[in-house]
Amino acid sequence: MRNTSARSAAVLVVMLLSVALSAQRGGGGGRGGGAGSPDGPPTLLTEYDSNEYGVKFPAPPHMSMFTPEQPGKFRRFFTEGRIVYLVDLMGTSAAVTVRYLPSATEADLRALQSTLESNPPQAKLPGYRKISVGVIKIGVHGDKDAVEHVYNSKDKDVTTTTRQVVFVHKGKGFTFTCTAPEKDYAAVDKKSFQPLFASIQFK
């Protein structure tokens, strides 16, 4: 049992690092301006609603939503468990990537928190600086535990702040990776990221 939990926690850690690296390289092949593309504007989604995963949430303020079913110009982005991609409509290069892991437990979440506190895999990123690691409450009722890791990293001369929120629901692991330039992060977190986590409904 412990070996299984350790393997699941290790997969969560690897998933976190791969998402972080993808975000640092610019995510889905574009930054900002997600509402338009050379092929014409996609149909804008107003919410994500999945009975399979048991989660529902609206597109947060100022952000455009894309999914594997309606990927817009981000079609190639939807691999490796990515289920939602959100881009700042105002073009500030803020984005949110949502990924899932088919199997995860609360024990895996606790193991992940311990790893992030003592030896975060994101420390391999250039310019990594831990801001915080802890447990927060998310959802419309504020009753779902999630592990949150906020940190800075650097790509060339640009410092990015990343907020990763990981939780378990219906035996699946979910990772929300929110990124914004450090100079814009506080404003984007207030107007988009925080409302997103406060609006998730669990079914």
N, C-alpha and C. Protein backbone atom coordinates (compact mmCIF):
# COMPACT_ATOMS: atom_id res chain seq x y z
N MET A 1 0.82 -1.20 0.00
CA MET A 1 0.00 0.00 0.00
C MET A 1 0.86 1.26 0.00
N ARG A 2 1.91 1.25 0.84
CA ARG A 2 2.80 2.40 0.90
C ARG A 2 3.52 2.60 -0.42
N ASN A 3 3.93 1.48 -1.07
CA ASN A 3 4.62 1.59 -2.34
C ASN A 3 3.71 2.20 -3.39
N THR A 4 2.45 1.81 -3.40
CA THR A 4 1.49 2.36 -4.35
C THR A 4 1.31 3.84 -4.13
N SER A 5 1.18 4.24 -2.86
CA SER A 5 1.02 5.66 -2.54
C SER A 5 2.25 6.45 -2.93
N ALA A 6 3.43 5.88 -2.68
CA ALA A 6 4.67 6.56 -3.04
C ALA A 6 4.78 6.75 -4.54
N ARG A 7 4.36 5.72 -5.30
CA ARG A 7 4.40 5.84 -6.76
C ARG A 7 3.45 6.92 -7.25
N SER A 8 2.24 6.96 -6.68
CA SER A 8 1.26 7.98 -7.09
C SER A 8 1.76 9.38 -6.75
N ALA A 9 2.34 9.53 -5.56
CA ALA A 9 2.87 10.83 -5.17
C ALA A 9 4.01 11.24 -6.10
N ALA A 10 4.85 10.27 -6.48
CA ALA A 10 5.95 10.55 -7.40
C ALA A 10 5.42 11.01 -8.75
N VAL A 11 4.34 10.38 -9.21
CA VAL A 11 3.73 10.79 -10.49
C VAL A 11 3.19 12.21 -10.38
N LEU A 12 2.57 12.55 -9.24
CA LEU A 12 2.08 13.91 -9.03
C LEU A 12 3.22 14.91 -9.09
N VAL A 13 4.35 14.57 -8.49
CA VAL A 13 5.51 15.46 -8.49
C VAL A 13 6.03 15.66 -9.90
N VAL A 14 6.16 14.57 -10.66
CA VAL A 14 6.64 14.66 -12.05
C VAL A 14 5.67 15.48 -12.88
N MET A 15 4.37 15.28 -12.66
CA MET A 15 3.36 16.04 -13.39
C MET A 15 3.49 17.53 -13.09
N LEU A 16 3.71 17.87 -11.84
CA LEU A 16 3.88 19.26 -11.46
C LEU A 16 5.06 19.89 -12.19
N LEU A 17 6.17 19.17 -12.23
CA LEU A 17 7.37 19.70 -12.86
C LEU A 17 7.17 19.87 -14.36
N SER A 18 6.54 18.89 -15.01
CA SER A 18 6.35 18.98 -16.45
C SER A 18 5.43 20.14 -16.81
N VAL A 19 4.39 20.37 -15.98
CA VAL A 19 3.50 21.50 -16.22
C VAL A 19 4.27 22.81 -16.05
N ALA A 20 5.11 22.87 -15.02
CA ALA A 20 5.88 24.08 -14.76
C ALA A 20 6.81 24.39 -15.92
N LEU A 21 7.47 23.38 -16.44
CA LEU A 21 8.38 23.58 -17.57
C LEU A 21 7.62 24.03 -18.80
N SER A 22 6.45 23.44 -19.04
CA SER A 22 5.62 23.82 -20.18
C SER A 22 5.18 25.27 -20.06
N ALA A 23 4.76 25.66 -18.85
CA ALA A 23 4.31 27.03 -18.64
C ALA A 23 5.46 28.01 -18.85
N GLN A 24 6.65 27.63 -18.41
CA GLN A 24 7.79 28.53 -18.55
C GLN A 24 8.16 28.73 -20.01
N ARG A 25 7.90 27.70 -20.84
CA ARG A 25 8.20 27.80 -22.26
C ARG A 25 7.07 28.44 -23.05
N GLY A 26 6.01 28.83 -22.37
CA GLY A 26 4.93 29.53 -23.06
C GLY A 26 3.69 28.71 -23.25
N GLY A 27 3.60 27.56 -22.59
CA GLY A 27 2.36 26.78 -22.58
C GLY A 27 1.95 26.29 -23.94
N GLY A 28 0.75 26.63 -24.34
CA GLY A 28 0.13 26.05 -25.52
C GLY A 28 0.50 26.68 -26.83
N GLY A 29 1.64 27.31 -26.94
CA GLY A 29 2.07 27.82 -28.21
C GLY A 29 1.64 29.25 -28.45
N GLY A 30 1.16 29.92 -27.42
CA GLY A 30 0.78 31.32 -27.56
C GLY A 30 0.59 31.94 -26.21
N ARG A 31 0.79 33.25 -26.12
CA ARG A 31 0.62 33.95 -24.85
C ARG A 31 -0.42 35.05 -25.03
N GLY A 32 -1.44 35.02 -24.20
CA GLY A 32 -2.44 36.07 -24.25
C GLY A 32 -3.24 36.04 -25.53
N GLY A 33 -4.22 36.95 -25.63
CA GLY A 33 -5.01 37.08 -26.84
C GLY A 33 -5.67 35.80 -27.27
N GLY A 34 -6.05 34.95 -26.31
CA GLY A 34 -6.57 33.64 -26.64
C GLY A 34 -7.89 33.64 -27.38
N ALA A 35 -8.57 34.75 -27.47
CA ALA A 35 -9.89 34.76 -28.09
C ALA A 35 -9.83 34.72 -29.60
N GLY A 36 -8.66 35.01 -30.18
CA GLY A 36 -8.57 35.04 -31.63
C GLY A 36 -7.49 34.14 -32.15
N SER A 37 -7.53 33.82 -33.45
CA SER A 37 -6.50 33.02 -34.09
C SER A 37 -6.57 33.27 -35.58
N PRO A 38 -5.51 32.89 -36.34
CA PRO A 38 -5.53 33.08 -37.79
C PRO A 38 -6.70 32.37 -38.45
N ASP A 39 -7.23 31.32 -37.81
CA ASP A 39 -8.34 30.57 -38.39
C ASP A 39 -9.70 31.17 -38.03
N GLY A 40 -9.69 32.29 -37.38
CA GLY A 40 -10.95 32.89 -36.96
C GLY A 40 -11.20 32.59 -35.50
N PRO A 41 -12.03 33.41 -34.84
CA PRO A 41 -12.26 33.22 -33.41
C PRO A 41 -13.05 31.94 -33.12
N PRO A 42 -12.62 31.17 -32.10
CA PRO A 42 -13.36 29.98 -31.72
C PRO A 42 -14.62 30.36 -30.95
N THR A 43 -15.50 29.40 -30.77
CA THR A 43 -16.66 29.62 -29.91
C THR A 43 -16.16 29.74 -28.48
N LEU A 44 -16.48 30.82 -27.82
CA LEU A 44 -15.98 31.03 -26.47
C LEU A 44 -16.81 30.23 -25.48
N LEU A 45 -16.12 29.44 -24.66
CA LEU A 45 -16.78 28.66 -23.62
C LEU A 45 -16.98 29.53 -22.39
N THR A 46 -18.09 29.34 -21.73
CA THR A 46 -18.35 30.12 -20.52
C THR A 46 -18.12 29.32 -19.25
N GLU A 47 -18.06 27.96 -19.37
CA GLU A 47 -17.80 27.14 -18.19
C GLU A 47 -17.30 25.76 -18.60
N TYR A 48 -16.68 25.10 -17.64
CA TYR A 48 -16.27 23.70 -17.80
C TYR A 48 -17.16 22.87 -16.89
N ASP A 49 -17.75 21.81 -17.44
CA ASP A 49 -18.68 20.99 -16.66
C ASP A 49 -18.48 19.53 -17.05
N SER A 50 -17.93 18.72 -16.14
CA SER A 50 -17.65 17.32 -16.44
C SER A 50 -18.25 16.41 -15.37
N ASN A 51 -19.19 15.58 -15.79
CA ASN A 51 -19.72 14.57 -14.88
C ASN A 51 -18.68 13.48 -14.63
N GLU A 52 -17.85 13.21 -15.63
CA GLU A 52 -16.82 12.18 -15.48
C GLU A 52 -15.84 12.53 -14.37
N TYR A 53 -15.39 13.78 -14.35
CA TYR A 53 -14.41 14.20 -13.35
C TYR A 53 -15.07 14.78 -12.10
N GLY A 54 -16.35 15.12 -12.21
CA GLY A 54 -17.07 15.63 -11.05
C GLY A 54 -16.72 17.05 -10.68
N VAL A 55 -16.32 17.86 -11.67
CA VAL A 55 -16.00 19.27 -11.41
C VAL A 55 -16.71 20.17 -12.41
N LYS A 56 -17.03 21.36 -11.92
CA LYS A 56 -17.67 22.37 -12.76
C LYS A 56 -17.18 23.73 -12.31
N PHE A 57 -16.79 24.58 -13.26
CA PHE A 57 -16.39 25.94 -12.91
C PHE A 57 -16.52 26.84 -14.13
N PRO A 58 -16.84 28.11 -13.90
CA PRO A 58 -16.96 29.06 -15.01
C PRO A 58 -15.59 29.55 -15.44
N ALA A 59 -15.52 30.08 -16.65
CA ALA A 59 -14.30 30.77 -17.06
C ALA A 59 -14.15 31.99 -16.15
N PRO A 60 -12.99 32.16 -15.54
CA PRO A 60 -12.83 33.29 -14.61
C PRO A 60 -12.83 34.61 -15.37
N PRO A 61 -13.04 35.72 -14.65
CA PRO A 61 -13.06 37.03 -15.30
C PRO A 61 -11.79 37.28 -16.11
N HIS A 62 -11.96 37.84 -17.29
CA HIS A 62 -10.87 38.25 -18.18
C HIS A 62 -10.11 37.08 -18.80
N MET A 63 -10.66 35.86 -18.73
CA MET A 63 -9.94 34.74 -19.31
C MET A 63 -10.82 33.97 -20.28
N SER A 64 -10.18 33.44 -21.33
CA SER A 64 -10.86 32.66 -22.35
C SER A 64 -10.56 31.18 -22.12
N MET A 65 -11.58 30.34 -22.28
CA MET A 65 -11.46 28.92 -21.96
C MET A 65 -11.38 28.05 -23.21
N PHE A 66 -10.46 27.08 -23.17
CA PHE A 66 -10.31 26.11 -24.25
C PHE A 66 -10.25 24.70 -23.67
N THR A 67 -10.76 23.72 -24.42
CA THR A 67 -10.77 22.32 -23.99
C THR A 67 -10.38 21.44 -25.17
N PRO A 68 -10.14 20.15 -24.94
CA PRO A 68 -9.83 19.27 -26.07
C PRO A 68 -10.93 19.25 -27.13
N GLU A 69 -12.18 19.43 -26.69
CA GLU A 69 -13.30 19.43 -27.63
C GLU A 69 -13.40 20.75 -28.39
N GLN A 70 -13.00 21.84 -27.77
CA GLN A 70 -12.99 23.15 -28.40
C GLN A 70 -11.65 23.82 -28.12
N PRO A 71 -10.60 23.38 -28.85
CA PRO A 71 -9.23 23.81 -28.54
C PRO A 71 -8.80 25.13 -29.15
N GLY A 72 -9.59 25.69 -30.09
CA GLY A 72 -9.14 26.91 -30.75
C GLY A 72 -7.79 26.66 -31.41
N LYS A 73 -6.85 27.57 -31.21
CA LYS A 73 -5.52 27.43 -31.80
C LYS A 73 -4.57 26.61 -30.93
N PHE A 74 -5.09 26.03 -29.83
CA PHE A 74 -4.25 25.30 -28.90
C PHE A 74 -4.41 23.78 -29.02
N ARG A 75 -4.81 23.29 -30.16
CA ARG A 75 -5.10 21.87 -30.33
C ARG A 75 -3.93 20.99 -29.90
N ARG A 76 -2.71 21.35 -30.28
CA ARG A 76 -1.53 20.51 -29.97
C ARG A 76 -1.20 20.52 -28.48
N PHE A 77 -1.79 21.42 -27.75
CA PHE A 77 -1.50 21.55 -26.32
C PHE A 77 -2.16 20.45 -25.49
N PHE A 78 -3.26 19.90 -25.99
CA PHE A 78 -4.07 18.99 -25.17
C PHE A 78 -3.58 17.55 -25.25
N THR A 79 -2.49 17.30 -24.53
CA THR A 79 -1.92 15.97 -24.39
C THR A 79 -1.62 15.74 -22.91
N GLU A 80 -1.29 14.52 -22.56
CA GLU A 80 -0.80 14.19 -21.21
C GLU A 80 -1.76 14.65 -20.10
N GLY A 81 -3.05 14.40 -20.30
CA GLY A 81 -4.00 14.69 -19.23
C GLY A 81 -4.45 16.13 -19.12
N ARG A 82 -4.06 16.99 -20.07
CA ARG A 82 -4.53 18.38 -20.01
C ARG A 82 -5.99 18.43 -20.44
N ILE A 83 -6.83 19.06 -19.61
CA ILE A 83 -8.26 19.09 -19.90
C ILE A 83 -8.83 20.49 -20.07
N VAL A 84 -8.14 21.50 -19.56
CA VAL A 84 -8.60 22.88 -19.73
C VAL A 84 -7.38 23.80 -19.85
N TYR A 85 -7.52 24.79 -20.73
CA TYR A 85 -6.48 25.82 -20.85
C TYR A 85 -7.18 27.16 -20.85
N LEU A 86 -6.77 28.07 -19.96
CA LEU A 86 -7.35 29.39 -19.83
C LEU A 86 -6.29 30.43 -20.14
N VAL A 87 -6.66 31.43 -20.92
CA VAL A 87 -5.72 32.47 -21.31
C VAL A 87 -6.33 33.84 -21.01
N ASP A 88 -5.49 34.75 -20.55
CA ASP A 88 -5.95 36.10 -20.24
C ASP A 88 -6.39 36.81 -21.51
N LEU A 89 -7.64 37.23 -21.55
CA LEU A 89 -8.17 37.92 -22.73
C LEU A 89 -7.50 39.27 -22.97
N MET A 90 -6.92 39.86 -21.93
CA MET A 90 -6.33 41.18 -22.06
C MET A 90 -4.89 41.11 -22.58
N GLY A 91 -4.40 39.90 -22.81
CA GLY A 91 -3.08 39.76 -23.41
C GLY A 91 -1.91 39.97 -22.48
N THR A 92 -2.07 39.74 -21.17
CA THR A 92 -0.96 39.93 -20.24
C THR A 92 -0.11 38.69 -20.07
N SER A 93 -0.36 37.65 -20.88
CA SER A 93 0.36 36.37 -20.86
C SER A 93 0.11 35.55 -19.61
N ALA A 94 -0.95 35.88 -18.87
CA ALA A 94 -1.36 35.03 -17.75
C ALA A 94 -2.14 33.84 -18.30
N ALA A 95 -1.99 32.68 -17.68
CA ALA A 95 -2.66 31.47 -18.17
C ALA A 95 -2.87 30.50 -17.02
N VAL A 96 -3.81 29.57 -17.24
CA VAL A 96 -4.07 28.48 -16.30
C VAL A 96 -4.14 27.19 -17.09
N THR A 97 -3.37 26.20 -16.67
CA THR A 97 -3.42 24.86 -17.25
C THR A 97 -4.02 23.91 -16.23
N VAL A 98 -5.00 23.11 -16.64
CA VAL A 98 -5.62 22.13 -15.75
C VAL A 98 -5.30 20.74 -16.28
N ARG A 99 -4.73 19.90 -15.41
CA ARG A 99 -4.41 18.52 -15.76
C ARG A 99 -4.99 17.58 -14.73
N TYR A 100 -5.20 16.34 -15.15
CA TYR A 100 -5.69 15.35 -14.20
C TYR A 100 -4.82 14.10 -14.24
N LEU A 101 -4.82 13.40 -13.12
CA LEU A 101 -4.13 12.12 -12.98
C LEU A 101 -5.21 11.08 -12.69
N PRO A 102 -5.27 9.98 -13.44
CA PRO A 102 -6.39 9.03 -13.30
C PRO A 102 -6.58 8.44 -11.91
N SER A 103 -5.50 8.36 -11.13
CA SER A 103 -5.62 7.74 -9.81
C SER A 103 -4.77 8.49 -8.80
N ALA A 104 -5.40 8.95 -7.71
CA ALA A 104 -4.67 9.64 -6.64
C ALA A 104 -5.50 9.58 -5.37
N THR A 105 -4.83 9.69 -4.22
CA THR A 105 -5.49 9.62 -2.92
C THR A 105 -5.09 10.82 -2.06
N GLU A 106 -5.78 10.99 -0.95
CA GLU A 106 -5.43 12.04 0.00
C GLU A 106 -4.04 11.81 0.58
N ALA A 107 -3.65 10.53 0.72
CA ALA A 107 -2.30 10.22 1.20
C ALA A 107 -1.25 10.72 0.21
N ASP A 108 -1.55 10.59 -1.09
CA ASP A 108 -0.65 11.11 -2.12
C ASP A 108 -0.50 12.62 -1.98
N LEU A 109 -1.62 13.29 -1.67
CA LEU A 109 -1.60 14.74 -1.53
C LEU A 109 -0.72 15.16 -0.36
N ARG A 110 -0.82 14.43 0.75
CA ARG A 110 0.02 14.74 1.91
C ARG A 110 1.49 14.50 1.60
N ALA A 111 1.77 13.43 0.86
CA ALA A 111 3.15 13.13 0.47
C ALA A 111 3.69 14.22 -0.45
N LEU A 112 2.84 14.70 -1.34
CA LEU A 112 3.24 15.78 -2.24
C LEU A 112 3.58 17.04 -1.46
N GLN A 113 2.75 17.38 -0.49
CA GLN A 113 3.03 18.56 0.33
C GLN A 113 4.37 18.45 1.02
N SER A 114 4.66 17.27 1.57
CA SER A 114 5.93 17.05 2.24
C SER A 114 7.10 17.24 1.28
N THR A 115 6.95 16.72 0.06
CA THR A 115 8.01 16.85 -0.94
C THR A 115 8.23 18.30 -1.32
N LEU A 116 7.13 19.02 -1.52
CA LEU A 116 7.25 20.43 -1.91
C LEU A 116 7.88 21.27 -0.80
N GLU A 117 7.64 20.89 0.44
CA GLU A 117 8.22 21.64 1.56
C GLU A 117 9.71 21.38 1.70
N SER A 118 10.13 20.13 1.43
CA SER A 118 11.53 19.77 1.69
C SER A 118 12.42 19.75 0.45
N ASN A 119 11.87 19.31 -0.67
CA ASN A 119 12.70 19.15 -1.86
C ASN A 119 11.86 19.32 -3.13
N PRO A 120 11.37 20.53 -3.39
CA PRO A 120 10.47 20.73 -4.53
C PRO A 120 11.17 20.47 -5.86
N PRO A 121 10.55 19.71 -6.77
CA PRO A 121 11.17 19.44 -8.07
C PRO A 121 11.33 20.71 -8.90
N GLN A 122 10.47 21.71 -8.62
CA GLN A 122 10.57 22.96 -9.37
C GLN A 122 11.85 23.72 -9.07
N ALA A 123 12.56 23.32 -8.01
CA ALA A 123 13.84 23.97 -7.68
C ALA A 123 14.84 23.83 -8.81
N LYS A 124 14.58 22.91 -9.75
CA LYS A 124 15.46 22.74 -10.91
C LYS A 124 15.27 23.84 -11.95
N LEU A 125 14.18 24.59 -11.82
CA LEU A 125 13.91 25.65 -12.79
C LEU A 125 14.87 26.82 -12.58
N PRO A 126 15.28 27.48 -13.66
CA PRO A 126 16.16 28.65 -13.52
C PRO A 126 15.50 29.74 -12.68
N GLY A 127 16.26 30.29 -11.74
CA GLY A 127 15.76 31.39 -10.93
C GLY A 127 14.68 31.01 -9.94
N TYR A 128 14.58 29.72 -9.61
CA TYR A 128 13.51 29.28 -8.70
C TYR A 128 13.65 29.95 -7.33
N ARG A 129 12.49 30.43 -6.83
CA ARG A 129 12.43 30.96 -5.46
C ARG A 129 11.07 30.59 -4.88
N LYS A 130 11.10 29.81 -3.80
CA LYS A 130 9.86 29.42 -3.15
C LYS A 130 9.24 30.60 -2.43
N ILE A 131 7.94 30.81 -2.66
CA ILE A 131 7.22 31.85 -1.95
C ILE A 131 6.41 31.24 -0.81
N SER A 132 5.69 30.15 -1.11
CA SER A 132 4.92 29.50 -0.06
C SER A 132 4.50 28.10 -0.47
N VAL A 133 4.30 27.24 0.53
CA VAL A 133 3.72 25.91 0.35
C VAL A 133 2.77 25.70 1.53
N GLY A 134 1.57 25.22 1.24
CA GLY A 134 0.62 24.99 2.32
C GLY A 134 -0.68 24.38 1.83
N VAL A 135 -1.61 24.20 2.75
CA VAL A 135 -2.93 23.66 2.42
C VAL A 135 -3.93 24.80 2.45
N ILE A 136 -4.74 24.90 1.40
CA ILE A 136 -5.78 25.92 1.33
C ILE A 136 -7.13 25.24 1.13
N LYS A 137 -8.20 25.98 1.30
CA LYS A 137 -9.55 25.49 1.06
C LYS A 137 -10.06 26.11 -0.25
N ILE A 138 -10.64 25.28 -1.11
CA ILE A 138 -11.16 25.77 -2.38
C ILE A 138 -12.60 25.29 -2.57
N GLY A 139 -13.24 25.79 -3.63
CA GLY A 139 -14.60 25.39 -3.95
C GLY A 139 -15.63 26.38 -3.47
N VAL A 140 -16.84 26.28 -4.01
CA VAL A 140 -17.89 27.23 -3.66
C VAL A 140 -18.26 27.16 -2.18
N HIS A 141 -18.04 26.01 -1.56
CA HIS A 141 -18.34 25.87 -0.14
C HIS A 141 -17.09 26.00 0.73
N GLY A 142 -15.94 26.16 0.09
CA GLY A 142 -14.69 26.31 0.83
C GLY A 142 -14.34 25.13 1.70
N ASP A 143 -14.68 23.91 1.22
CA ASP A 143 -14.47 22.74 2.06
C ASP A 143 -13.59 21.66 1.43
N LYS A 144 -12.94 21.99 0.32
CA LYS A 144 -12.04 21.03 -0.33
C LYS A 144 -10.60 21.40 -0.04
N ASP A 145 -9.84 20.46 0.56
CA ASP A 145 -8.43 20.69 0.82
C ASP A 145 -7.62 20.60 -0.47
N ALA A 146 -6.68 21.50 -0.62
CA ALA A 146 -5.79 21.49 -1.78
C ALA A 146 -4.41 21.92 -1.32
N VAL A 147 -3.38 21.36 -1.94
CA VAL A 147 -2.00 21.76 -1.66
C VAL A 147 -1.63 22.87 -2.64
N GLU A 148 -1.15 23.96 -2.09
CA GLU A 148 -0.78 25.13 -2.91
C GLU A 148 0.72 25.38 -2.82
N HIS A 149 1.33 25.61 -3.97
CA HIS A 149 2.76 25.94 -4.05
C HIS A 149 2.90 27.18 -4.92
N VAL A 150 3.40 28.25 -4.35
CA VAL A 150 3.62 29.49 -5.10
C VAL A 150 5.12 29.75 -5.17
N TYR A 151 5.60 30.03 -6.37
CA TYR A 151 7.05 30.24 -6.53
C TYR A 151 7.33 31.11 -7.75
N ASN A 152 8.54 31.64 -7.78
CA ASN A 152 9.02 32.38 -8.93
C ASN A 152 10.04 31.55 -9.69
N SER A 153 10.10 31.77 -10.99
CA SER A 153 11.15 31.19 -11.82
C SER A 153 11.47 32.19 -12.92
N LYS A 154 12.56 31.94 -13.63
CA LYS A 154 13.01 32.93 -14.61
C LYS A 154 13.27 32.27 -15.95
N ASP A 155 12.78 32.90 -17.01
CA ASP A 155 13.06 32.46 -18.37
C ASP A 155 13.66 33.64 -19.11
N LYS A 156 14.95 33.52 -19.43
CA LYS A 156 15.70 34.65 -19.99
C LYS A 156 15.65 35.79 -18.97
N ASP A 157 15.08 36.93 -19.32
CA ASP A 157 15.06 38.06 -18.38
C ASP A 157 13.69 38.27 -17.76
N VAL A 158 12.78 37.32 -17.97
CA VAL A 158 11.41 37.49 -17.46
C VAL A 158 11.18 36.61 -16.24
N THR A 159 10.78 37.20 -15.14
CA THR A 159 10.45 36.45 -13.94
C THR A 159 8.94 36.18 -13.92
N THR A 160 8.60 34.90 -13.78
CA THR A 160 7.21 34.46 -13.77
C THR A 160 6.85 33.94 -12.38
N THR A 161 5.67 34.29 -11.91
CA THR A 161 5.15 33.73 -10.67
C THR A 161 4.14 32.64 -11.02
N THR A 162 4.31 31.48 -10.39
CA THR A 162 3.45 30.33 -10.64
C THR A 162 2.73 29.96 -9.35
N ARG A 163 1.45 29.71 -9.48
CA ARG A 163 0.64 29.22 -8.35
C ARG A 163 0.06 27.87 -8.76
N GLN A 164 0.55 26.79 -8.16
CA GLN A 164 0.06 25.46 -8.46
C GLN A 164 -0.83 24.99 -7.31
N VAL A 165 -2.04 24.57 -7.67
CA VAL A 165 -3.01 24.09 -6.69
C VAL A 165 -3.39 22.67 -7.07
N VAL A 166 -3.16 21.74 -6.15
CA VAL A 166 -3.39 20.32 -6.42
C VAL A 166 -4.40 19.77 -5.43
N PHE A 167 -5.38 19.02 -5.94
CA PHE A 167 -6.37 18.40 -5.05
C PHE A 167 -6.79 17.05 -5.61
N VAL A 168 -7.46 16.28 -4.76
CA VAL A 168 -7.96 14.96 -5.15
C VAL A 168 -9.48 14.98 -5.07
N HIS A 169 -10.11 14.43 -6.11
CA HIS A 169 -11.57 14.34 -6.12
C HIS A 169 -12.00 13.10 -6.90
N LYS A 170 -12.87 12.32 -6.29
CA LYS A 170 -13.37 11.09 -6.92
C LYS A 170 -12.24 10.17 -7.38
N GLY A 171 -11.18 10.11 -6.57
CA GLY A 171 -10.08 9.21 -6.85
C GLY A 171 -9.14 9.67 -7.94
N LYS A 172 -9.28 10.93 -8.36
CA LYS A 172 -8.42 11.50 -9.40
C LYS A 172 -7.66 12.69 -8.84
N GLY A 173 -6.48 12.92 -9.38
CA GLY A 173 -5.69 14.08 -8.98
C GLY A 173 -5.85 15.20 -10.00
N PHE A 174 -5.97 16.43 -9.52
CA PHE A 174 -6.11 17.59 -10.41
C PHE A 174 -5.06 18.62 -10.06
N THR A 175 -4.42 19.18 -11.08
CA THR A 175 -3.42 20.22 -10.89
C THR A 175 -3.82 21.44 -11.70
N PHE A 176 -4.01 22.56 -11.02
CA PHE A 176 -4.26 23.85 -11.67
C PHE A 176 -2.95 24.64 -11.58
N THR A 177 -2.34 24.93 -12.72
CA THR A 177 -1.10 25.69 -12.74
C THR A 177 -1.39 27.07 -13.31
N CYS A 178 -1.29 28.08 -12.45
CA CYS A 178 -1.60 29.46 -12.82
C CYS A 178 -0.29 30.23 -12.95
N THR A 179 -0.10 30.90 -14.08
CA THR A 179 1.14 31.64 -14.29
C THR A 179 0.85 33.06 -14.76
N ALA A 180 1.72 33.96 -14.33
CA ALA A 180 1.65 35.35 -14.77
C ALA A 180 3.01 35.99 -14.55
N PRO A 181 3.37 37.01 -15.34
CA PRO A 181 4.60 37.73 -15.04
C PRO A 181 4.57 38.25 -13.61
N GLU A 182 5.70 38.20 -12.95
CA GLU A 182 5.75 38.61 -11.55
C GLU A 182 5.13 39.99 -11.33
N LYS A 183 5.39 40.91 -12.25
CA LYS A 183 4.89 42.28 -12.09
C LYS A 183 3.36 42.36 -12.17
N ASP A 184 2.73 41.38 -12.84
CA ASP A 184 1.27 41.38 -13.00
C ASP A 184 0.57 40.41 -12.06
N TYR A 185 1.34 39.56 -11.39
CA TYR A 185 0.74 38.43 -10.68
C TYR A 185 -0.31 38.83 -9.64
N ALA A 186 0.00 39.78 -8.78
CA ALA A 186 -0.93 40.15 -7.70
C ALA A 186 -2.29 40.56 -8.26
N ALA A 187 -2.28 41.37 -9.31
CA ALA A 187 -3.53 41.84 -9.90
C ALA A 187 -4.29 40.70 -10.57
N VAL A 188 -3.55 39.84 -11.31
CA VAL A 188 -4.19 38.73 -12.01
C VAL A 188 -4.74 37.71 -11.01
N ASP A 189 -4.00 37.47 -9.94
CA ASP A 189 -4.47 36.52 -8.92
C ASP A 189 -5.78 37.01 -8.31
N LYS A 190 -5.87 38.30 -8.05
CA LYS A 190 -7.07 38.87 -7.44
C LYS A 190 -8.26 38.83 -8.38
N LYS A 191 -8.04 39.16 -9.65
CA LYS A 191 -9.18 39.29 -10.57
C LYS A 191 -9.56 37.99 -11.26
N SER A 192 -8.60 37.02 -11.34
CA SER A 192 -8.88 35.80 -12.11
C SER A 192 -8.61 34.50 -11.36
N PHE A 193 -7.40 34.34 -10.81
CA PHE A 193 -7.05 33.06 -10.20
C PHE A 193 -7.88 32.76 -8.96
N GLN A 194 -7.95 33.73 -8.05
CA GLN A 194 -8.68 33.49 -6.81
C GLN A 194 -10.18 33.26 -7.06
N PRO A 195 -10.83 34.06 -7.93
CA PRO A 195 -12.23 33.77 -8.25
C PRO A 195 -12.42 32.38 -8.85
N LEU A 196 -11.45 31.92 -9.61
CA LEU A 196 -11.54 30.57 -10.20
C LEU A 196 -11.63 29.51 -9.11
N PHE A 197 -10.73 29.57 -8.13
CA PHE A 197 -10.72 28.54 -7.09
C PHE A 197 -11.94 28.64 -6.17
N ALA A 198 -12.49 29.82 -6.05
CA ALA A 198 -13.68 30.01 -5.22
C ALA A 198 -14.96 29.58 -5.94
N SER A 199 -14.87 29.32 -7.25
CA SER A 199 -16.07 29.01 -8.03
C SER A 199 -16.19 27.55 -8.41
N ILE A 200 -15.22 26.70 -8.04
CA ILE A 200 -15.28 25.29 -8.43
C ILE A 200 -16.38 24.58 -7.66
N GLN A 201 -17.23 23.90 -8.40
CA GLN A 201 -18.27 23.06 -7.80
C GLN A 201 -17.85 21.60 -7.93
N PHE A 202 -17.99 20.84 -6.84
CA PHE A 202 -17.63 19.43 -6.84
C PHE A 202 -18.90 18.60 -6.83
N LYS A 203 -18.97 17.63 -7.75
CA LYS A 203 -20.18 16.83 -7.91
C LYS A 203 -19.92 15.38 -7.54
